Amino acid sequence: VEFYVDQHNRVLPHSAFGGQTPDEM
């Protein structure tokens, strides 16, 4: 869970944000 939460927040872009990650939003 710790690995995926870090990937979700910092690395993986979100399609709803035009390629931005949740951290960048």
PDB file of all heavy atoms in Angstrom:
ATOM      1  N   VAL A   1       0.834  -1.202   0.000  1.00  0.00           N
ATOM      2  CA  VAL A   1       0.000   0.000   0.000  1.00  0.00           C
ATOM      3  C   VAL A   1       0.869   1.253   0.000  1.00  0.00           C
ATOM      4  O   VAL A   1       0.593   2.223  -0.722  1.00  0.00           O
ATOM      5  CB  VAL A   1      -0.954  -0.007   1.206  1.00  0.00           C
ATOM      6  CG1 VAL A   1      -1.703   1.316   1.317  1.00  0.00           C
ATOM      7  CG2 VAL A   1      -1.948  -1.157   1.094  1.00  0.00           C
ATOM      8  N   GLU A   2       1.938   1.248   0.780  1.00  0.00           N
ATOM      9  CA  GLU A   2       2.838   2.402   0.828  1.00  0.00           C
ATOM     10  C   GLU A   2       3.456   2.681  -0.537  1.00  0.00           C
ATOM     11  O   GLU A   2       3.554   3.842  -0.963  1.00  0.00           O
ATOM     12  CB  GLU A   2       3.932   2.146   1.861  1.00  0.00           C
ATOM     13  CG  GLU A   2       4.890   3.307   2.052  1.00  0.00           C
ATOM     14  CD  GLU A   2       5.922   3.032   3.109  1.00  0.00           C
ATOM     15  OE1 GLU A   2       5.940   1.894   3.639  1.00  0.00           O
ATOM     16  OE2 GLU A   2       6.723   3.936   3.408  1.00  0.00           O
ATOM     17  N   PHE A   3       3.854   1.622  -1.234  1.00  0.00           N
ATOM     18  CA  PHE A   3       4.425   1.799  -2.569  1.00  0.00           C
ATOM     19  C   PHE A   3       3.404   2.391  -3.537  1.00  0.00           C
ATOM     20  O   PHE A   3       3.695   3.352  -4.268  1.00  0.00           O
ATOM     21  CB  PHE A   3       4.930   0.460  -3.093  1.00  0.00           C
ATOM     22  CG  PHE A   3       5.316   0.482  -4.552  1.00  0.00           C
ATOM     23  CD1 PHE A   3       6.535   0.991  -4.950  1.00  0.00           C
ATOM     24  CD2 PHE A   3       4.443   0.003  -5.524  1.00  0.00           C
ATOM     25  CE1 PHE A   3       6.896   1.025  -6.291  1.00  0.00           C
ATOM     26  CE2 PHE A   3       4.785   0.035  -6.865  1.00  0.00           C
ATOM     27  CZ  PHE A   3       6.019   0.544  -7.248  1.00  0.00           C
ATOM     28  N   TYR A   4       2.178   1.838  -3.546  1.00  0.00           N
ATOM     29  CA  TYR A   4       1.214   2.291  -4.541  1.00  0.00           C
ATOM     30  C   TYR A   4       0.714   3.705  -4.242  1.00  0.00           C
ATOM     31  O   TYR A   4       0.484   4.485  -5.161  1.00  0.00           O
ATOM     32  CB  TYR A   4       0.032   1.334  -4.607  1.00  0.00           C
ATOM     33  CG  TYR A   4      -0.863   1.631  -5.787  1.00  0.00           C
ATOM     34  CD1 TYR A   4      -0.562   1.135  -7.051  1.00  0.00           C
ATOM     35  CD2 TYR A   4      -1.973   2.445  -5.647  1.00  0.00           C
ATOM     36  CE1 TYR A   4      -1.358   1.435  -8.139  1.00  0.00           C
ATOM     37  CE2 TYR A   4      -2.779   2.749  -6.731  1.00  0.00           C
ATOM     38  CZ  TYR A   4      -2.465   2.239  -7.974  1.00  0.00           C
ATOM     39  OH  TYR A   4      -3.267   2.544  -9.065  1.00  0.00           O
ATOM     40  N   VAL A   5       0.541   4.047  -2.967  1.00  0.00           N
ATOM     41  CA  VAL A   5       0.103   5.407  -2.635  1.00  0.00           C
ATOM     42  C   VAL A   5       1.136   6.419  -3.108  1.00  0.00           C
ATOM     43  O   VAL A   5       0.793   7.481  -3.659  1.00  0.00           O
ATOM     44  CB  VAL A   5      -0.160   5.531  -1.127  1.00  0.00           C
ATOM     45  CG1 VAL A   5      -0.339   6.989  -0.727  1.00  0.00           C
ATOM     46  CG2 VAL A   5      -1.396   4.731  -0.742  1.00  0.00           C
ATOM     47  N   ASP A   6       2.422   6.119  -2.919  1.00  0.00           N
ATOM     48  CA  ASP A   6       3.469   7.012  -3.409  1.00  0.00           C
ATOM     49  C   ASP A   6       3.432   7.126  -4.930  1.00  0.00           C
ATOM     50  O   ASP A   6       3.566   8.229  -5.481  1.00  0.00           O
ATOM     51  CB  ASP A   6       4.832   6.505  -2.946  1.00  0.00           C
ATOM     52  CG  ASP A   6       5.970   7.343  -3.478  1.00  0.00           C
ATOM     53  OD1 ASP A   6       6.116   8.502  -3.058  1.00  0.00           O
ATOM     54  OD2 ASP A   6       6.711   6.843  -4.361  1.00  0.00           O
ATOM     55  N   GLN A   7       3.244   5.987  -5.605  1.00  0.00           N
ATOM     56  CA  GLN A   7       3.152   6.029  -7.060  1.00  0.00           C
ATOM     57  C   GLN A   7       1.923   6.812  -7.513  1.00  0.00           C
ATOM     58  O   GLN A   7       1.983   7.599  -8.467  1.00  0.00           O
ATOM     59  CB  GLN A   7       3.083   4.608  -7.610  1.00  0.00           C
ATOM     60  CG  GLN A   7       4.364   3.809  -7.444  1.00  0.00           C
ATOM     61  CD  GLN A   7       5.444   4.258  -8.406  1.00  0.00           C
ATOM     62  OE1 GLN A   7       5.251   4.270  -9.619  1.00  0.00           O
ATOM     63  NE2 GLN A   7       6.600   4.634  -7.859  1.00  0.00           N
ATOM     64  N   HIS A   8       0.810   6.600  -6.853  1.00  0.00           N
ATOM     65  CA  HIS A   8      -0.439   7.291  -7.217  1.00  0.00           C
ATOM     66  C   HIS A   8      -0.306   8.799  -7.053  1.00  0.00           C
ATOM     67  O   HIS A   8      -0.731   9.566  -7.928  1.00  0.00           O
ATOM     68  CB  HIS A   8      -1.581   6.761  -6.346  1.00  0.00           C
ATOM     69  CG  HIS A   8      -2.856   7.541  -6.486  1.00  0.00           C
ATOM     70  ND1 HIS A   8      -3.733   7.364  -7.527  1.00  0.00           N
ATOM     71  CD2 HIS A   8      -3.394   8.520  -5.700  1.00  0.00           C
ATOM     72  CE1 HIS A   8      -4.764   8.184  -7.391  1.00  0.00           C
ATOM     73  NE2 HIS A   8      -4.580   8.896  -6.297  1.00  0.00           N
ATOM     74  N   ASN A   9       0.284   9.243  -5.956  1.00  0.00           N
ATOM     75  CA  ASN A   9       0.377  10.677  -5.694  1.00  0.00           C
ATOM     76  C   ASN A   9       1.450  11.364  -6.532  1.00  0.00           C
ATOM     77  O   ASN A   9       1.230  12.458  -7.057  1.00  0.00           O
ATOM     78  CB  ASN A   9       0.676  10.920  -4.213  1.00  0.00           C
ATOM     79  CG  ASN A   9      -0.520  10.643  -3.331  1.00  0.00           C
ATOM     80  OD1 ASN A   9      -1.659  10.611  -3.801  1.00  0.00           O
ATOM     81  ND2 ASN A   9      -0.267  10.430  -2.050  1.00  0.00           N
ATOM     82  N   ARG A  10       2.590  10.725  -6.688  1.00  0.00           N
ATOM     83  CA  ARG A  10       3.770  11.420  -7.213  1.00  0.00           C
ATOM     84  C   ARG A  10       4.115  11.088  -8.657  1.00  0.00           C
ATOM     85  O   ARG A  10       4.626  11.954  -9.391  1.00  0.00           O
ATOM     86  CB  ARG A  10       4.970  11.101  -6.314  1.00  0.00           C
ATOM     87  CG  ARG A  10       6.242  11.846  -6.622  1.00  0.00           C
ATOM     88  CD  ARG A  10       7.314  11.507  -5.605  1.00  0.00           C
ATOM     89  NE  ARG A  10       7.528  10.071  -5.503  1.00  0.00           N
ATOM     90  CZ  ARG A  10       8.350   9.389  -6.299  1.00  0.00           C
ATOM     91  NH1 ARG A  10       9.022  10.008  -7.251  1.00  0.00           N
ATOM     92  NH2 ARG A  10       8.497   8.082  -6.143  1.00  0.00           N
ATOM     93  N   VAL A  11       3.821   9.851  -9.113  1.00  0.00           N
ATOM     94  CA  VAL A  11       4.340   9.393 -10.404  1.00  0.00           C
ATOM     95  C   VAL A  11       3.250   9.247 -11.455  1.00  0.00           C
ATOM     96  O   VAL A  11       3.416   9.703 -12.596  1.00  0.00           O
ATOM     97  CB  VAL A  11       5.079   8.047 -10.226  1.00  0.00           C
ATOM     98  CG1 VAL A  11       5.610   7.548 -11.559  1.00  0.00           C
ATOM     99  CG2 VAL A  11       6.210   8.193  -9.211  1.00  0.00           C
ATOM    100  N   LEU A  12       2.154   8.598 -11.121  1.00  0.00           N
ATOM    101  CA  LEU A  12       1.160   8.217 -12.122  1.00  0.00           C
ATOM    102  C   LEU A  12       0.304   9.410 -12.540  1.00  0.00           C
ATOM    103  O   LEU A  12      -0.360  10.033 -11.695  1.00  0.00           O
ATOM    104  CB  LEU A  12       0.259   7.109 -11.571  1.00  0.00           C
ATOM    105  CG  LEU A  12       0.977   5.832 -11.121  1.00  0.00           C
ATOM    106  CD1 LEU A  12      -0.018   4.822 -10.589  1.00  0.00           C
ATOM    107  CD2 LEU A  12       1.781   5.244 -12.273  1.00  0.00           C
ATOM    108  N   PRO A  13       0.303   9.760 -13.822  1.00  0.00           N
ATOM    109  CA  PRO A  13      -0.555  10.861 -14.280  1.00  0.00           C
ATOM    110  C   PRO A  13      -2.015  10.434 -14.300  1.00  0.00           C
ATOM    111  O   PRO A  13      -2.344   9.266 -14.493  1.00  0.00           O
ATOM    112  CB  PRO A  13      -0.035  11.154 -15.690  1.00  0.00           C
ATOM    113  CG  PRO A  13       0.568   9.870 -16.144  1.00  0.00           C
ATOM    114  CD  PRO A  13       1.111   9.191 -14.917  1.00  0.00           C
ATOM    115  N   HIS A  14      -2.888  11.406 -14.111  1.00  0.00           N
ATOM    116  CA  HIS A  14      -4.327  11.152 -14.094  1.00  0.00           C
ATOM    117  C   HIS A  14      -4.932  11.659 -15.398  1.00  0.00           C
ATOM    118  O   HIS A  14      -4.659  12.779 -15.824  1.00  0.00           O
ATOM    119  CB  HIS A  14      -4.984  11.845 -12.893  1.00  0.00           C
ATOM    120  CG  HIS A  14      -6.281  11.233 -12.491  1.00  0.00           C
ATOM    121  ND1 HIS A  14      -7.418  11.332 -13.260  1.00  0.00           N
ATOM    122  CD2 HIS A  14      -6.629  10.504 -11.399  1.00  0.00           C
ATOM    123  CE1 HIS A  14      -8.414  10.710 -12.652  1.00  0.00           C
ATOM    124  NE2 HIS A  14      -7.962  10.189 -11.531  1.00  0.00           N
ATOM    125  N   SER A  15      -5.777  10.822 -16.015  1.00  0.00           N
ATOM    126  CA  SER A  15      -6.358  11.194 -17.307  1.00  0.00           C
ATOM    127  C   SER A  15      -7.278  12.406 -17.186  1.00  0.00           C
ATOM    128  O   SER A  15      -7.456  13.162 -18.156  1.00  0.00           O
ATOM    129  CB  SER A  15      -7.131  10.006 -17.881  1.00  0.00           C
ATOM    130  OG  SER A  15      -8.160   9.590 -16.991  1.00  0.00           O
ATOM    131  N   ALA A  16      -7.888  12.626 -16.024  1.00  0.00           N
ATOM    132  CA  ALA A  16      -8.803  13.759 -15.863  1.00  0.00           C
ATOM    133  C   ALA A  16      -8.078  15.091 -15.773  1.00  0.00           C
ATOM    134  O   ALA A  16      -8.710  16.141 -15.894  1.00  0.00           O
ATOM    135  CB  ALA A  16      -9.663  13.555 -14.615  1.00  0.00           C
ATOM    136  N   PHE A  17      -6.759  15.061 -15.569  1.00  0.00           N
ATOM    137  CA  PHE A  17      -5.993  16.292 -15.387  1.00  0.00           C
ATOM    138  C   PHE A  17      -5.057  16.573 -16.554  1.00  0.00           C
ATOM    139  O   PHE A  17      -4.097  17.334 -16.400  1.00  0.00           O
ATOM    140  CB  PHE A  17      -5.172  16.215 -14.089  1.00  0.00           C
ATOM    141  CG  PHE A  17      -5.995  15.916 -12.870  1.00  0.00           C
ATOM    142  CD1 PHE A  17      -5.528  15.054 -11.893  1.00  0.00           C
ATOM    143  CD2 PHE A  17      -7.250  16.474 -12.713  1.00  0.00           C
ATOM    144  CE1 PHE A  17      -6.288  14.771 -10.776  1.00  0.00           C
ATOM    145  CE2 PHE A  17      -8.025  16.195 -11.600  1.00  0.00           C
ATOM    146  CZ  PHE A  17      -7.545  15.339 -10.633  1.00  0.00           C
ATOM    147  N   GLY A  18      -5.281  15.960 -17.689  1.00  0.00           N
ATOM    148  CA  GLY A  18      -4.438  16.230 -18.852  1.00  0.00           C
ATOM    149  C   GLY A  18      -3.020  15.746 -18.700  1.00  0.00           C
ATOM    150  O   GLY A  18      -2.105  16.315 -19.307  1.00  0.00           O
ATOM    151  N   GLY A  19      -2.786  14.730 -17.871  1.00  0.00           N
ATOM    152  CA  GLY A  19      -1.449  14.189 -17.690  1.00  0.00           C
ATOM    153  C   GLY A  19      -0.767  14.611 -16.414  1.00  0.00           C
ATOM    154  O   GLY A  19       0.360  14.169 -16.135  1.00  0.00           O
ATOM    155  N   GLN A  20      -1.386  15.434 -15.597  1.00  0.00           N
ATOM    156  CA  GLN A  20      -0.796  15.839 -14.331  1.00  0.00           C
ATOM    157  C   GLN A  20      -1.032  14.765 -13.266  1.00  0.00           C
ATOM    158  O   GLN A  20      -2.022  14.035 -13.287  1.00  0.00           O
ATOM    159  CB  GLN A  20      -1.393  17.161 -13.856  1.00  0.00           C
ATOM    160  CG  GLN A  20      -1.186  18.325 -14.813  1.00  0.00           C
ATOM    161  CD  GLN A  20      -1.741  19.618 -14.252  1.00  0.00           C
ATOM    162  OE1 GLN A  20      -1.264  20.132 -13.240  1.00  0.00           O
ATOM    163  NE2 GLN A  20      -2.768  20.149 -14.899  1.00  0.00           N
ATOM    164  N   THR A  21      -0.112  14.688 -12.327  1.00  0.00           N
ATOM    165  CA  THR A  21      -0.259  13.772 -11.210  1.00  0.00           C
ATOM    166  C   THR A  21      -1.100  14.434 -10.113  1.00  0.00           C
ATOM    167  O   THR A  21      -1.247  15.673 -10.084  1.00  0.00           O
ATOM    168  CB  THR A  21       1.116  13.389 -10.658  1.00  0.00           C
ATOM    169  OG1 THR A  21       1.744  14.570 -10.133  1.00  0.00           O
ATOM    170  CG2 THR A  21       1.993  12.795 -11.746  1.00  0.00           C
ATOM    171  N   PRO A  22      -1.639  13.658  -9.172  1.00  0.00           N
ATOM    172  CA  PRO A  22      -2.371  14.269  -8.059  1.00  0.00           C
ATOM    173  C   PRO A  22      -1.539  15.256  -7.243  1.00  0.00           C
ATOM    174  O   PRO A  22      -2.072  16.281  -6.791  1.00  0.00           O
ATOM    175  CB  PRO A  22      -2.789  13.056  -7.225  1.00  0.00           C
ATOM    176  CG  PRO A  22      -2.921  11.959  -8.220  1.00  0.00           C
ATOM    177  CD  PRO A  22      -1.827  12.192  -9.209  1.00  0.00           C
ATOM    178  N   ASP A  23      -0.258  14.971  -7.042  1.00  0.00           N
ATOM    179  CA  ASP A  23       0.589  15.925  -6.317  1.00  0.00           C
ATOM    180  C   ASP A  23       0.699  17.245  -7.063  1.00  0.00           C
ATOM    181  O   ASP A  23       0.664  18.329  -6.453  1.00  0.00           O
ATOM    182  CB  ASP A  23       1.986  15.327  -6.115  1.00  0.00           C
ATOM    183  CG  ASP A  23       2.076  14.511  -4.840  1.00  0.00           C
ATOM    184  OD1 ASP A  23       1.050  14.422  -4.124  1.00  0.00           O
ATOM    185  OD2 ASP A  23       3.152  13.938  -4.563  1.00  0.00           O
ATOM    186  N   GLU A  24       0.852  17.176  -8.371  1.00  0.00           N
ATOM    187  CA  GLU A  24       0.972  18.414  -9.166  1.00  0.00           C
ATOM    188  C   GLU A  24      -0.337  19.192  -9.154  1.00  0.00           C
ATOM    189  O   GLU A  24      -0.308  20.434  -9.158  1.00  0.00           O
ATOM    190  CB  GLU A  24       1.378  18.059 -10.593  1.00  0.00           C
ATOM    191  CG  GLU A  24       2.808  17.529 -10.699  1.00  0.00           C
ATOM    192  CD  GLU A  24       3.099  16.926 -12.059  1.00  0.00           C
ATOM    193  OE1 GLU A  24       2.137  16.609 -12.789  1.00  0.00           O
ATOM    194  OE2 GLU A  24       4.287  16.771 -12.392  1.00  0.00           O
ATOM    195  N   MET A  25      -1.454  18.521  -9.115  1.00  0.00           N
ATOM    196  CA  MET A  25      -2.726  19.222  -9.007  1.00  0.00           C
ATOM    197  C   MET A  25      -2.897  19.818  -7.612  1.00  0.00           C
ATOM    198  O   MET A  25      -3.400  20.945  -7.467  1.00  0.00           O
ATOM    199  CB  MET A  25      -3.871  18.267  -9.312  1.00  0.00           C
ATOM    200  CG  MET A  25      -3.981  17.879 -10.766  1.00  0.00           C
ATOM    201  SD  MET A  25      -4.421  19.283 -11.842  1.00  0.00           S
ATOM    202  CE  MET A  25      -6.038  19.713 -11.213  1.00  0.00           C
TER     203      MET A  25
END
